[in-house]
Protein backbone atom coordinates (compact mmCIF):
# COMPACT_ATOMS: atom_id res chain seq x y z
CA MET A 1 209.46 62.65 66.90
CA GLN A 2 207.19 65.68 66.39
CA GLU A 3 203.49 65.43 65.73
CA ALA A 4 202.12 66.91 62.53
CA HIS A 5 199.75 69.75 63.29
CA SER A 6 196.70 70.21 61.18
CA TYR A 7 195.33 73.69 60.86
CA ARG A 8 191.69 74.39 60.29
CA PHE A 9 190.17 77.62 59.15
CA ILE A 10 186.86 78.47 60.69
CA ILE A 11 184.74 81.17 59.15
CA SER A 12 182.39 82.48 61.76
CA ASP A 13 180.78 85.41 59.97
CA VAL A 14 180.18 85.74 56.27
CA LYS A 15 179.24 89.16 55.06
CA VAL A 16 177.79 89.45 51.55
CA ILE A 17 179.08 92.66 50.02
CA GLY A 18 177.48 92.29 46.61
CA THR A 19 176.09 89.93 44.03
CA TRP A 20 177.14 89.17 40.49
CA ASP A 21 174.79 88.80 37.55
CA PHE A 22 176.29 86.30 35.11
CA THR A 23 173.77 87.02 32.37
CA LYS A 24 175.29 89.32 29.80
CA PRO A 25 173.17 91.72 27.77
CA ALA A 26 173.06 90.98 24.06
CA ARG A 27 175.64 92.92 22.04
CA CYS A 28 175.47 93.76 18.35
CA ILE A 29 178.00 91.83 16.25
CA VAL A 30 178.43 94.88 14.01
CA CYS A 31 178.86 97.80 16.45
CA ASN A 32 179.42 95.87 19.73
CA LEU A 33 176.90 98.07 21.59
CA LYS A 34 174.25 96.62 23.91
CA ILE A 35 170.95 95.80 22.24
CA ARG A 36 168.06 97.21 24.25
CA GLU A 37 164.71 95.45 24.50
CA GLU A 38 162.87 98.06 22.42
CA GLU A 39 165.35 97.87 19.51
CA LYS A 40 164.80 95.58 16.55
CA LYS A 41 167.34 92.78 16.45
CA VAL A 42 168.12 89.91 14.12
CA TYR A 43 170.29 86.82 14.45
CA CYS A 44 172.79 85.25 12.09
CA PRO A 45 171.31 81.89 11.03
CA PHE A 46 174.78 80.31 11.13
CA CYS A 47 176.41 81.50 14.38
CA GLY A 48 173.21 82.61 16.14
CA LEU A 49 174.63 85.91 17.44
CA PRO A 50 172.41 89.02 17.54
CA ALA A 51 172.77 92.35 15.76
CA HIS A 52 170.80 95.57 15.47
CA ARG A 53 168.57 95.00 12.45
CA ASP A 54 169.58 98.21 10.68
CA HIS A 55 173.29 97.70 11.39
CA LEU A 56 173.36 94.18 9.96
CA LEU A 57 171.35 95.19 6.88
CA GLU A 58 173.79 98.02 6.15
CA TRP A 59 176.76 95.71 6.77
CA LEU A 60 175.36 93.13 4.34
CA LYS A 61 174.83 95.76 1.62
CA ILE A 62 178.56 96.52 1.74
CA LYS A 63 180.20 93.25 2.78
CA GLY A 64 177.73 90.42 2.12
CA PHE A 65 178.82 88.15 4.99
CA CYS A 66 178.33 87.80 8.74
CA PRO A 67 180.82 89.96 10.70
CA ASN A 68 181.28 87.16 13.24
CA CYS A 69 181.39 83.84 11.37
CA SER A 70 182.11 85.17 7.84
CA LYS A 71 179.42 83.00 6.24
CA PRO A 72 177.78 84.60 3.20
CA LEU A 73 174.37 86.14 3.98
CA ASP A 74 171.72 87.61 1.72
CA ILE A 75 169.75 90.70 2.72
CA LYS A 76 166.52 88.94 1.69
CA GLU A 77 167.17 86.24 4.29
CA VAL A 78 167.66 88.80 7.03
CA ARG A 79 164.46 90.67 6.16
CA LYS A 80 162.51 87.43 6.71
CA TRP A 81 163.49 87.33 10.41
């Protein structure tokens, strides 16, 4: 009868070759571009996702609803943010 061999892996040196940042920059729900810190941004009160203020206002003039969750939004509500 043969004995079962168990194999063990030993890692002697670990070399860190980089790090990963899991925080994603905010992206506009209208144009999908990154929203920089100095830019004005607003959030949908229903889904909570951000948008460039000017982009969402223009979108609402034409469409009248959130581009992400499709809930009806009024421009007056967005201007209050």
